């Protein structure tokens, strides 16, 4: 069995994203795609006393021109300091802040990359290591992409000798399942239901925030609140 995940990189995404990575053998960072504004590529939610709020990396956008995610450049080199300051402001009272904060601060100090893809992968790999996720990362630029939305995915899976392809439930709206069936590749959709709540600052409880919220509140027990990490 060879399980493949192909999806765009997100900035410090929520726990479900890491569950997706954890149940696959290979994660193809699919950032050859169009950068979209007001999306998860360069921002995510953190918890504040006023509810979830955005933590956003400023990027240069070309307007109406086609712009790949992996070609999207950071517009303010001081963003790591700003984000770390905000995290300290809202999470200094979290249970594991004292233990975990030096590691997170170091991640931000080393986030000196030019593109949003490089930054996202920097955080994704570090958090996977923290969680004990050993999935292999591959850049989609290593493949020759064919035409067609589903055809691109199938071609990558074929090249990697995939037996199972994992994707989010929203993919049901556009994916052509017959193309996977023709290649003998089993199509699996993620199920985001059934996550347990954990001790979280600021009521009411919110599942859909950055995984840093989980890590700072429960530390090394974080994997107990994911579904696909043993």
Protein backbone atom coordinates (compact mmCIF):
# COMPACT_ATOMS: atom_id res chain seq x y z
CA UNK A 1 0.00 0.00 0.00
CA UNK A 2 1.26 3.50 -0.85
CA UNK A 3 -0.83 6.40 0.38
CA UNK A 4 -0.47 9.82 -1.25
CA UNK A 5 -1.65 13.30 -0.23
CA UNK A 6 -1.46 16.13 -2.78
CA UNK A 7 -2.49 19.56 -1.56
CA UNK A 8 -1.46 23.20 -1.25
CA UNK A 9 0.69 24.35 1.64
CA UNK A 10 -1.01 26.31 4.42
CA UNK A 11 0.42 28.62 7.05
CA UNK A 12 0.57 26.87 10.48
CA UNK A 13 -2.70 25.02 9.68
CA UNK A 14 -5.21 23.40 12.00
CA UNK A 15 -4.90 19.89 13.45
CA UNK A 16 -6.95 18.26 10.67
CA UNK A 17 -4.31 19.22 8.12
CA UNK A 18 -1.65 17.34 10.10
CA UNK A 19 -3.97 14.36 10.50
CA UNK A 20 -4.16 14.28 6.71
CA UNK A 21 -0.38 14.24 6.44
CA UNK A 22 -0.01 11.62 9.18
CA UNK A 23 -2.06 8.94 7.45
CA UNK A 24 -0.11 9.16 4.19
CA UNK A 25 3.32 7.94 3.09
CA UNK A 26 4.05 10.90 0.82
CA UNK A 27 2.82 14.50 0.92
CA UNK A 28 3.17 16.33 -2.38
CA UNK A 29 3.23 20.09 -1.73
CA UNK A 30 1.04 21.17 -4.62
CA UNK A 31 2.02 24.84 -4.86
CA UNK A 32 2.25 25.04 -8.64
CA UNK A 33 -1.36 26.19 -8.40
CA UNK A 34 -2.86 29.68 -8.52
CA UNK A 35 -2.32 31.78 -5.40
CA UNK A 36 -5.72 32.86 -4.06
CA UNK A 37 -6.33 35.90 -1.88
CA UNK A 38 -8.03 35.61 1.50
CA UNK A 39 -7.21 31.92 1.69
CA UNK A 40 -5.16 29.63 3.97
CA UNK A 41 -1.84 29.92 2.10
CA UNK A 42 -0.53 32.91 4.06
CA UNK A 43 -2.84 33.14 7.06
CA UNK A 44 -4.57 31.16 9.77
CA UNK A 45 -6.64 31.64 12.88
CA UNK A 46 -5.33 31.88 16.42
CA UNK A 47 -7.41 32.12 19.59
CA UNK A 48 -7.82 35.50 21.32
CA UNK A 49 -10.08 36.75 24.15
CA UNK A 50 -12.28 38.23 21.41
CA UNK A 51 -12.58 34.98 19.46
CA UNK A 52 -10.53 33.62 16.54
CA UNK A 53 -8.43 36.22 14.74
CA UNK A 54 -6.19 36.11 11.69
CA UNK A 55 -2.42 35.80 11.77
CA UNK A 56 -1.45 36.89 8.24
CA UNK A 57 1.86 36.95 6.37
CA UNK A 58 1.99 39.97 4.00
CA UNK A 59 2.69 38.98 0.40
CA UNK A 60 3.03 40.67 -2.97
CA UNK A 61 0.09 39.97 -5.29
CA UNK A 62 0.15 40.67 -9.04
CA UNK A 63 -3.51 41.51 -9.32
CA UNK A 64 -5.20 39.84 -12.28
CA UNK A 65 -2.09 38.01 -13.49
CA UNK A 66 -1.66 34.29 -12.88
CA UNK A 67 0.53 33.86 -9.83
CA UNK A 68 1.63 30.49 -8.50
CA UNK A 69 1.69 29.91 -4.76
CA UNK A 70 5.35 28.89 -4.91
CA UNK A 71 6.20 32.17 -6.69
CA UNK A 72 4.37 34.37 -4.17
CA UNK A 73 6.93 36.55 -2.38
CA UNK A 74 6.81 38.03 1.11
CA UNK A 75 6.34 41.80 1.15
CA UNK A 76 7.48 42.59 4.71
CA UNK A 77 10.63 40.89 6.06
CA UNK A 78 9.71 41.86 9.62
CA UNK A 79 6.58 39.68 9.72
CA UNK A 80 8.19 36.92 11.93
CA UNK A 81 8.81 39.36 14.77
CA UNK A 82 5.27 40.69 14.50
CA UNK A 83 3.70 37.22 14.55
CA UNK A 84 5.81 36.05 17.47
CA UNK A 85 4.85 39.17 19.43
CA UNK A 86 1.15 38.47 18.79
CA UNK A 87 1.50 34.83 19.84
CA UNK A 88 3.23 35.84 23.07
CA UNK A 89 0.48 38.37 23.75
CA UNK A 90 -2.34 35.83 23.50
CA UNK A 91 -0.69 32.58 24.61
CA UNK A 92 1.66 33.57 27.43
CA UNK A 93 -0.86 32.17 29.92
CA UNK A 94 -1.24 28.83 28.12
CA UNK A 95 -0.16 25.78 30.13
CA UNK A 96 2.87 24.86 28.03
CA UNK A 97 3.98 28.29 26.83
CA UNK A 98 7.09 28.32 29.01
CA UNK A 99 8.17 24.88 27.77
CA UNK A 100 7.24 25.24 24.10
CA UNK A 101 7.84 28.94 23.39
CA UNK A 102 11.66 28.71 22.89
CA UNK A 103 11.10 26.18 20.09
CA UNK A 104 8.40 28.28 18.41
CA UNK A 105 10.43 31.47 18.77
CA UNK A 106 13.37 29.74 17.07
CA UNK A 107 11.10 28.65 14.21
CA UNK A 108 10.12 32.27 13.63
CA UNK A 109 13.71 33.50 13.85
CA UNK A 110 14.65 31.02 11.13
CA UNK A 111 11.65 31.80 8.90
CA UNK A 112 13.75 34.10 6.69
CA UNK A 113 12.58 32.68 3.36
CA UNK A 114 11.43 34.70 0.37
CA UNK A 115 8.31 32.77 -0.68
CA UNK A 116 5.18 31.66 1.13
CA UNK A 117 5.78 28.03 0.10
CA UNK A 118 9.23 27.96 1.69
CA UNK A 119 7.86 29.47 4.90
CA UNK A 120 4.91 27.09 5.06
CA UNK A 121 7.07 24.02 4.49
CA UNK A 122 9.51 25.26 7.14
CA UNK A 123 6.72 25.25 9.75
CA UNK A 124 4.99 22.11 8.44
CA UNK A 125 8.11 19.96 8.64
CA UNK A 126 9.03 21.23 12.11
CA UNK A 127 5.54 20.59 13.51
CA UNK A 128 5.41 17.14 11.89
CA UNK A 129 8.68 16.31 13.63
CA UNK A 130 7.25 17.55 16.95
CA UNK A 131 4.19 15.32 16.47
CA UNK A 132 6.21 12.29 15.37
CA UNK A 133 4.90 12.34 11.79
CA UNK A 134 7.41 10.77 9.38
CA UNK A 135 5.61 11.39 6.09
CA UNK A 136 7.92 12.25 3.17
CA UNK A 137 7.53 15.74 1.62
CA UNK A 138 7.91 16.17 -2.15
CA UNK A 139 7.62 19.42 -4.12
CA UNK A 140 5.17 19.30 -7.05
CA UNK A 141 7.84 21.00 -9.19
CA UNK A 142 9.57 17.63 -9.35
CA UNK A 143 6.79 16.37 -11.63
CA UNK A 144 5.78 17.21 -15.19
CA UNK A 145 2.19 18.34 -14.73
CA UNK A 146 -0.33 17.41 -17.40
CA UNK A 147 -3.51 19.27 -18.38
CA UNK A 148 -6.76 18.78 -16.46
CA UNK A 149 -7.53 19.21 -12.77
CA UNK A 150 -8.01 15.52 -11.97
CA UNK A 151 -5.57 14.38 -14.63
CA UNK A 152 -2.73 16.25 -12.87
CA UNK A 153 -3.44 14.43 -9.61
CA UNK A 154 -3.73 11.03 -11.27
CA UNK A 155 -0.45 11.53 -13.16
CA UNK A 156 1.42 12.34 -9.94
CA UNK A 157 -0.11 9.33 -8.20
CA UNK A 158 0.85 7.10 -11.13
CA UNK A 159 4.44 8.37 -11.06
CA UNK A 160 4.63 7.63 -7.32
CA UNK A 161 3.06 4.17 -7.73
CA UNK A 162 0.22 5.18 -5.42
CA UNK A 163 -2.43 2.69 -4.35
CA UNK A 164 -4.51 5.20 -2.36
CA UNK A 165 -5.09 8.92 -2.87
CA UNK A 166 -6.31 11.01 0.07
CA UNK A 167 -8.15 14.30 -0.27
CA UNK A 168 -10.56 16.60 1.55
CA UNK A 169 -14.35 16.20 1.42
CA UNK A 170 -14.75 19.36 -0.69
CA UNK A 171 -12.92 17.61 -3.55
CA UNK A 172 -16.10 15.61 -4.20
CA UNK A 173 -17.41 18.74 -5.96
CA UNK A 174 -14.83 18.64 -8.75
CA UNK A 175 -12.83 15.41 -8.80
CA UNK A 176 -13.44 12.80 -11.52
CA UNK A 177 -13.39 9.55 -9.56
CA UNK A 178 -13.47 7.41 -12.71
CA UNK A 179 -9.93 8.53 -13.64
CA UNK A 180 -8.59 7.14 -10.36
CA UNK A 181 -10.61 3.95 -10.78
CA UNK A 182 -9.12 3.45 -14.24
CA UNK A 183 -5.64 3.47 -12.70
CA UNK A 184 -6.60 1.15 -9.87
CA UNK A 185 -6.08 3.91 -7.28
CA UNK A 186 -8.46 3.93 -4.32
CA UNK A 187 -9.88 7.37 -3.52
CA UNK A 188 -10.18 8.25 0.18
CA UNK A 189 -11.93 11.34 1.60
CA UNK A 190 -10.94 12.76 4.98
CA UNK A 191 -13.48 12.83 7.78
CA UNK A 192 -13.08 15.81 10.09
CA UNK A 193 -15.78 14.79 12.55
CA UNK A 194 -15.19 13.49 16.07
CA UNK A 195 -12.30 15.59 17.33
CA UNK A 196 -12.15 15.78 21.12
CA UNK A 197 -11.94 19.16 22.83
CA UNK A 198 -8.82 20.02 24.82
CA UNK A 199 -8.11 22.62 27.54
CA UNK A 200 -8.13 25.87 25.56
CA UNK A 201 -7.73 29.50 26.56
CA UNK A 202 -10.73 31.78 26.04
CA UNK A 203 -14.21 30.28 25.72
CA UNK A 204 -16.06 29.12 23.69
CA UNK A 205 -14.00 26.21 22.34
CA UNK A 206 -12.86 26.45 18.70
CA UNK A 207 -11.56 23.49 16.68
CA UNK A 208 -10.61 25.42 13.54
CA UNK A 209 -7.56 27.32 14.76
CA UNK A 210 -3.85 26.83 14.11
CA UNK A 211 -2.30 23.71 15.60
CA UNK A 212 -0.05 26.02 17.63
CA UNK A 213 -3.10 26.53 19.84
CA UNK A 214 -3.23 22.79 20.57
CA UNK A 215 0.54 22.52 21.10
CA UNK A 216 0.76 25.49 23.47
CA UNK A 217 -2.19 24.27 25.52
CA UNK A 218 -1.38 20.55 25.87
CA UNK A 219 2.29 20.22 24.83
CA UNK A 220 3.53 16.70 24.10
CA UNK A 221 -0.01 15.35 24.58
CA UNK A 222 -1.05 17.08 21.33
CA UNK A 223 -1.00 13.83 19.33
CA UNK A 224 -3.67 12.42 21.67
CA UNK A 225 -6.11 14.96 20.21
CA UNK A 226 -5.45 13.91 16.62
CA UNK A 227 -6.99 10.83 15.06
CA UNK A 228 -4.26 9.42 12.83
CA UNK A 229 -1.14 9.56 14.98
CA UNK A 230 -0.33 6.53 17.07
